[in-house]
Every structure is written in C-alpha cells, then in structure tokens.
Protein backbone atom coordinates (compact mmCIF):
# COMPACT_ATOMS: atom_id res chain seq x y z
CA UNK A 1 10.58 -2.41 17.44
CA UNK A 2 13.14 -1.52 15.03
CA UNK A 3 13.93 1.56 13.91
CA UNK A 4 13.39 2.44 10.63
CA UNK A 5 16.40 4.60 10.50
CA UNK A 6 17.76 3.29 6.56
CA UNK A 7 14.04 4.61 4.89
CA UNK A 8 13.83 8.53 5.37
CA UNK A 9 10.53 8.02 3.30
CA UNK A 10 9.03 5.13 4.99
CA UNK A 11 9.96 7.19 8.33
CA UNK A 12 7.85 9.88 6.69
CA UNK A 13 4.89 7.47 6.21
CA UNK A 14 4.82 6.21 9.38
CA UNK A 15 4.70 10.15 10.46
CA UNK A 16 1.96 10.55 7.67
CA UNK A 17 -0.24 7.76 9.37
CA UNK A 18 0.09 8.30 12.61
CA UNK A 19 0.02 12.49 13.10
CA UNK A 20 -3.42 14.43 11.67
CA UNK A 21 -2.49 16.53 8.64
CA UNK A 22 -1.75 20.28 9.11
CA UNK A 23 -0.70 20.28 12.69
CA UNK A 24 1.54 23.35 13.47
CA UNK A 25 3.75 21.78 16.44
CA UNK A 26 4.39 18.61 14.55
CA UNK A 27 5.37 20.77 11.23
CA UNK A 28 7.80 22.92 13.70
CA UNK A 29 9.55 19.66 14.81
CA UNK A 30 9.83 18.32 11.88
CA UNK A 31 11.66 21.70 10.20
CA UNK A 32 13.87 21.54 13.40
CA UNK A 33 14.87 17.95 14.21
CA UNK A 34 14.46 16.53 10.59
CA UNK A 35 12.10 13.19 9.85
CA UNK A 36 14.63 10.83 11.29
CA UNK A 37 14.77 12.36 14.50
CA UNK A 38 11.18 13.32 15.03
CA UNK A 39 10.37 9.15 14.30
CA UNK A 40 13.20 7.97 16.59
CA UNK A 41 11.77 10.01 19.06
CA UNK A 42 8.92 9.18 18.81
CA UNK A 43 9.58 5.19 18.59
CA UNK A 44 11.22 5.51 22.32
CA UNK A 45 8.81 6.99 23.55
CA UNK A 46 10.75 10.25 24.47
CA UNK A 47 7.77 12.77 23.89
CA UNK A 48 5.68 13.48 26.90
CA UNK A 49 3.34 10.46 26.64
CA UNK A 50 0.64 12.40 28.63
CA UNK A 51 0.21 14.42 25.25
CA UNK A 52 2.02 12.32 22.49
CA UNK A 53 0.97 8.93 23.92
CA UNK A 54 -1.64 7.81 20.72
CA UNK A 55 1.10 8.95 17.96
CA UNK A 56 3.55 7.05 19.72
CA UNK A 57 1.52 3.97 19.95
CA UNK A 58 0.72 4.18 16.65
CA UNK A 59 4.08 4.66 15.37
CA UNK A 60 5.00 1.49 17.45
CA UNK A 61 2.27 -0.58 15.72
CA UNK A 62 3.05 1.08 12.43
CA UNK A 63 3.78 -1.83 9.90
CA UNK A 64 5.10 -0.03 6.76
CA UNK A 65 4.29 -3.14 4.03
CA UNK A 66 0.52 -3.20 5.16
CA UNK A 67 0.84 0.45 5.09
CA UNK A 68 1.84 0.46 1.48
CA UNK A 69 -0.15 -2.21 0.60
CA UNK A 70 -3.45 -0.54 1.57
CA UNK A 71 -2.31 2.52 -0.84
CA UNK A 72 -1.67 0.38 -3.72
CA UNK A 73 -5.19 -0.97 -2.99
CA UNK A 74 -6.73 1.88 -2.78
CA UNK A 75 -5.24 2.79 -6.42
CA UNK A 76 -2.74 5.13 -4.78
CA UNK A 77 0.93 5.86 -4.04
CA UNK A 78 2.72 7.81 -1.21
CA UNK A 79 4.73 10.17 -2.39
CA UNK A 80 7.50 12.44 -0.47
CA UNK A 81 9.50 15.95 -0.65
CA UNK A 82 12.27 13.39 -1.69
CA UNK A 83 10.65 12.21 -4.85
CA UNK A 84 11.21 13.71 -8.17
CA UNK A 85 7.52 14.06 -8.80
CA UNK A 86 7.33 16.38 -5.48
CA UNK A 87 4.70 19.89 -5.97
CA UNK A 88 7.36 21.81 -4.70
CA UNK A 89 5.19 25.03 -4.44
CA UNK A 90 3.61 23.00 -1.43
CA UNK A 91 7.03 23.37 0.30
CA UNK A 92 6.33 26.92 0.74
CA UNK A 93 3.69 26.65 2.92
CA UNK A 94 4.28 27.26 7.01
CA UNK A 95 3.07 23.62 7.63
CA UNK A 96 3.76 21.47 4.43
CA UNK A 97 3.13 18.15 4.19
CA UNK A 98 4.33 15.25 5.37
CA UNK A 99 3.55 13.25 2.48
CA UNK A 100 1.06 12.92 -0.23
CA UNK A 101 -1.24 10.10 -1.46
CA UNK A 102 -1.90 10.38 -5.21
CA UNK A 103 -4.00 8.42 -7.54
CA UNK A 104 -3.19 9.45 -10.97
CA UNK A 105 -1.03 10.82 -12.97
CA UNK A 106 2.03 11.87 -11.09
CA UNK A 107 3.65 13.96 -13.78
CA UNK A 108 1.14 16.62 -14.02
CA UNK A 109 1.88 17.71 -10.00
CA UNK A 110 4.03 20.86 -11.50
CA UNK A 111 2.36 21.95 -14.19
CA UNK A 112 1.17 25.68 -14.34
CA UNK A 113 -2.09 25.70 -12.69
CA UNK A 114 -5.54 27.18 -11.79
CA UNK A 115 -7.36 27.03 -8.23
CA UNK A 116 -11.25 27.27 -9.15
CA UNK A 117 -13.15 27.70 -5.85
CA UNK A 118 -16.24 28.29 -4.73
CA UNK A 119 -19.85 27.48 -2.78
CA UNK A 120 -21.34 24.08 -3.10
CA UNK A 121 -24.77 25.72 -3.63
CA UNK A 122 -23.64 28.11 -6.51
CA UNK A 123 -26.31 29.50 -8.95
CA UNK A 124 -26.36 28.59 -12.55
CA UNK A 125 -24.51 31.98 -13.40
CA UNK A 126 -21.65 30.67 -11.21
CA UNK A 127 -22.00 26.79 -12.89
CA UNK A 128 -21.33 28.29 -16.08
CA UNK A 129 -18.65 30.73 -15.20
CA UNK A 130 -16.53 27.57 -13.41
CA UNK A 131 -16.94 26.00 -16.12
CA UNK A 132 -15.89 28.66 -19.16
CA UNK A 133 -12.81 29.68 -17.12
CA UNK A 134 -11.68 26.28 -16.54
CA UNK A 135 -12.12 25.48 -20.51
CA UNK A 136 -10.53 28.77 -20.90
CA UNK A 137 -7.38 27.55 -18.67
CA UNK A 138 -7.41 24.62 -20.53
CA UNK A 139 -7.04 26.39 -23.72
CA UNK A 140 -4.40 27.97 -23.05
CA UNK A 141 -2.20 24.33 -21.53
CA UNK A 142 -3.09 25.17 -17.56
CA UNK A 143 -4.41 22.51 -15.53
CA UNK A 144 -7.46 23.15 -13.07
CA UNK A 145 -7.44 22.35 -9.34
CA UNK A 146 -9.93 22.55 -7.26
CA UNK A 147 -11.71 20.10 -4.13
CA UNK A 148 -14.25 17.46 -5.69
CA UNK A 149 -17.34 18.90 -3.55
CA UNK A 150 -20.39 19.45 -5.26
CA UNK A 151 -20.77 22.57 -6.62
CA UNK A 152 -18.47 25.32 -8.31
CA UNK A 153 -15.59 22.15 -7.69
CA UNK A 154 -17.58 20.29 -9.58
CA UNK A 155 -18.18 22.45 -12.41
CA UNK A 156 -14.39 23.53 -12.69
CA UNK A 157 -13.40 19.60 -13.35
CA UNK A 158 -16.35 19.26 -15.65
CA UNK A 159 -15.20 22.19 -17.27
CA UNK A 160 -11.58 21.23 -18.00
CA UNK A 161 -12.51 17.80 -18.98
CA UNK A 162 -14.74 18.78 -21.23
CA UNK A 163 -12.26 21.00 -22.53
CA UNK A 164 -10.33 17.51 -23.23
CA UNK A 165 -7.85 18.90 -20.14
CA UNK A 166 -5.97 17.71 -16.84
CA UNK A 167 -7.73 18.49 -13.07
CA UNK A 168 -6.00 17.66 -10.00
CA UNK A 169 -9.14 16.75 -6.95
CA UNK A 170 -7.39 17.55 -3.81
CA UNK A 171 -10.08 16.21 -1.30
CA UNK A 172 -10.25 15.59 2.50
CA UNK A 173 -11.04 11.65 2.99
CA UNK A 174 -8.87 9.00 1.95
CA UNK A 175 -8.33 8.63 -1.72
CA UNK A 176 -10.61 5.68 -1.23
CA UNK A 177 -13.81 7.13 0.14
CA UNK A 178 -15.36 8.67 -2.59
CA UNK A 179 -16.59 11.72 -1.18
CA UNK A 180 -19.23 13.02 -2.26
CA UNK A 181 -20.65 9.92 -3.14
CA UNK A 182 -22.63 11.57 -5.98
CA UNK A 183 -19.06 12.09 -7.35
CA UNK A 184 -18.13 9.06 -7.90
CA UNK A 185 -18.06 8.57 -11.64
CA UNK A 186 -16.32 12.48 -11.70
CA UNK A 187 -13.28 11.14 -9.59
CA UNK A 188 -13.13 8.40 -12.07
CA UNK A 189 -12.63 10.69 -14.71
CA UNK A 190 -10.46 13.01 -13.32
CA UNK A 191 -8.13 10.24 -12.59
CA UNK A 192 -7.98 8.84 -16.61
CA UNK A 193 -5.90 12.12 -17.60
CA UNK A 194 -5.88 13.95 -14.00
CA UNK A 195 -4.91 13.26 -10.43
CA UNK A 196 -7.09 13.08 -6.79
CA UNK A 197 -4.88 14.31 -3.80
CA UNK A 198 -4.85 13.27 0.01
CA UNK A 199 -3.52 14.28 2.67
CA UNK A 200 -4.58 11.43 4.99
CA UNK A 201 -4.09 7.55 4.53
CA UNK A 202 -6.86 5.41 2.89
CA UNK A 203 -10.00 4.48 5.19
CA UNK A 204 -9.95 8.33 6.72
CA UNK A 205 -13.37 9.80 6.14
CA UNK A 206 -13.97 13.56 5.40
CA UNK A 207 -14.23 15.68 8.38
CA UNK A 208 -14.86 19.64 8.69
CA UNK A 209 -11.54 20.68 9.83
CA UNK A 210 -9.89 18.11 7.13
CA UNK A 211 -11.43 20.29 4.46
CA UNK A 212 -10.20 23.86 6.01
CA UNK A 213 -6.52 21.65 5.99
CA UNK A 214 -6.54 20.83 2.93
CA UNK A 215 -7.70 24.05 1.43
CA UNK A 216 -4.44 25.40 2.29
CA UNK A 217 -2.92 22.69 -0.23
CA UNK A 218 -5.02 23.88 -3.07
CA UNK A 219 -3.79 27.06 -2.72
CA UNK A 220 -0.20 26.01 -2.98
CA UNK A 221 -0.36 23.41 -5.59
CA UNK A 222 -1.82 26.08 -7.89
CA UNK A 223 -0.43 29.65 -9.23
CA UNK A 224 -2.95 31.39 -8.98
CA UNK A 225 -6.63 31.13 -7.11
CA UNK A 226 -9.99 32.19 -8.99
CA UNK A 227 -13.09 32.33 -6.29
CA UNK A 228 -16.24 32.06 -8.69
CA UNK A 229 -19.15 32.75 -6.26
CA UNK A 230 -19.08 32.32 -2.39
CA UNK A 231 -20.91 33.34 0.54
CA UNK A 232 -19.91 35.80 3.27
CA UNK A 233 -18.15 33.36 5.47
CA UNK A 234 -17.50 30.27 2.72
CA UNK A 235 -14.50 28.10 3.23
CA UNK A 236 -13.41 28.95 -0.34
CA UNK A 237 -12.13 32.29 1.35
CA UNK A 238 -9.40 30.61 3.25
CA UNK A 239 -8.04 29.44 0.29
CA UNK A 240 -7.87 32.92 -1.44
CA UNK A 241 -6.58 34.30 2.35
CA UNK A 242 -3.96 31.00 1.76
CA UNK A 243 -3.20 31.67 -1.73
CA UNK A 244 -2.72 35.79 -0.79
CA UNK A 245 -0.13 34.62 2.12
CA UNK A 246 2.02 32.28 -0.47
CA UNK A 247 2.17 35.63 -2.52
CA UNK A 248 -0.34 34.00 -5.17
CA UNK A 249 -2.95 36.00 -7.61
CA UNK A 250 -6.04 35.82 -5.81
CA UNK A 251 -8.93 36.38 -8.73
CA UNK A 252 -12.69 36.53 -7.79
CA UNK A 253 -15.71 37.15 -9.78
CA UNK A 254 -18.58 39.88 -9.13
CA UNK A 255 -21.69 38.52 -9.09
CA UNK A 256 -24.97 40.41 -8.64
CA UNK A 257 -25.34 42.80 -5.59
CA UNK A 258 -28.13 41.02 -4.28
CA UNK A 259 -27.02 37.44 -4.73
CA UNK A 260 -26.08 36.01 -1.11
CA UNK A 261 -23.48 33.44 -3.74
CA UNK A 262 -21.82 36.46 -3.99
CA UNK A 263 -21.07 38.62 -1.28
CA UNK A 264 -17.66 36.47 -0.30
CA UNK A 265 -15.99 37.58 -3.92
CA UNK A 266 -17.45 41.27 -3.40
CA UNK A 267 -16.13 40.94 0.29
CA UNK A 268 -12.40 39.89 -1.21
CA UNK A 269 -12.85 42.50 -3.80
CA UNK A 270 -14.00 45.09 -1.44
CA UNK A 271 -11.19 44.21 0.99
CA UNK A 272 -8.49 44.43 -1.79
CA UNK A 273 -7.34 40.57 -0.87
CA UNK A 274 -8.96 39.92 -4.56
CA UNK A 275 -8.46 41.15 -7.80
CA UNK A 276 -11.81 41.54 -9.79
CA UNK A 277 -11.40 39.38 -13.03
CA UNK A 278 -14.67 38.83 -15.98
CA UNK A 279 -13.06 37.32 -18.83
CA UNK A 280 -10.55 34.47 -19.52
CA UNK A 281 -8.57 37.26 -20.40
CA UNK A 282 -8.70 39.15 -17.96
CA UNK A 283 -7.18 36.38 -15.46
CA UNK A 284 -4.35 36.08 -17.97
CA UNK A 285 -3.22 38.73 -18.21
CA UNK A 286 -3.12 39.53 -14.42
CA UNK A 287 -1.14 36.62 -13.99
CA UNK A 288 0.88 37.41 -16.33
CA UNK A 289 1.86 40.98 -14.89
CA UNK A 290 1.92 39.93 -11.24
C-alpha cells in the first residue's frame, strides 16, 4: 500500500478510523513515537499481529478520499491538533483524542464554556435548574457543553438555546447517528449556532463504554463542570472527576436529602470533590476565584 507520509492529518484520520477512542496503549505510542511513525509501523505490520492485526488490516484498507467523503456527507469536518480550530484544552488529557469530527461552528471550540451534566432521569427541580444555570452563563457570554442525552443534558442545551446562546453536544456515536432519536430536532437546533462533536467515525453506534470515554472530552472542553442532579453511581460523577484531574473547578447543586437524584451531588460535595453552589452568581464567583 502507499504510505501517507506526506500528510500527518490524513495519517491521524487513518488511526482515528482504526483505533477505538480513549485507548491508553495507542495514546502512549503516539506520544512517544509520533503520528507518522505509529502509522507507518501499523501500515507495514510491525506491531504484533496477534494483538493488533485488526487495526493493521483497517489501516491497510483505509481510503482517505472515501473517509473524508463520508464525514462531509454527514455534515461534519475532521479536525486535528495541527488545525487552528482545534480545542487546545483537550491536549491536557492523559489520553487526548487523535482527532475530532465536528458538525457546526468550528470557531467556538475555544470559547469560555461550562459543562452541565447530570442524570437522564431528572426531577422537575433538576430540569429547571439546569436550564436556569445554562441561561445564566449564556447571559455572561459563556457557551454550554453537555452530552446530548435525555434529562439534564437536554435541559442544559435547551436552556442555552432559549437564552439565544451557543451550546455544544459531545456525543458517543457518529455525528450522523442521532442518539437518542428523540433529540434529533434538538441536534439540528444546536448546529445552527453551536456544534456537535464526536470522537468516532460516521455510522458508529453509541455503546456504554463510549459514553464514559466521551465524558473526559466534556470535562476537557470546558473551563468548569457543574453537576445538577446525579445518582450515587452516575456517569456524571466520572465527568466531574475527569474535570478535577485537569484541575478545573467542579461544582454541584444540592437537592433534598431524600432525593436519590441528588445523592451523587451530595457525594461529590461530601468528599470535597465539588463545591456547593446555589446560584449562577455563586458559580461565577467560584470560577473567577480559582
């Protein structure tokens, strides 16, 4: 096969399409040897075929024109760290993305932004507060980032849109896979002024492990993370801990002590993993102080 040694971005796309996002081993390989060498070694079959044969085969079958056409047909573009539009905050991750596929406005990826996350089964209290905090931050010229899921994610995105602000959805599937399907119209509205971001190729379906992997992107893209409502073992706590590992401010909203939907928030506050906030003013003051 022809080695694509003349275009690092295309080499990144080849690796992006062949390697599952969030893979620790390949992140270390790229960090140590660089994109070009890792790509070349995979293309030439240098890596252990019993362990990495499927990836080698994918690299061998990679067609740059077809891959770029599939991304364009889905309405997205592939961006890499070499691009000016690259969200530089994600470079601080222990496992940074090889690239990202973005649908929408590329110019907003480095804007001041707040991640709002929480349960898929919120109470009316949580829905209202997620929307209120999103609108409050939009009024202060911040963008809102969340995961596009039902519940708190949806409330945060809608709160930003109602306030005529920008919001970004980081999803666990390809950008042409509208998951959850009930949010298809919401995704269209998000793309009008904001963006949808994915770390997988078009056509890739959402899987449980991909939600945990994408959570680190939500944390990394944002200057701070707010947990509105979360169960004791909610995936939102993983986002909060990812943000804390990046030394980004983490905040949580308290709820009734009898509410299972707030147990995760109370856990973060009790473990000193998040600061308790009760208003947008509180949150802004905390972020400014840190």
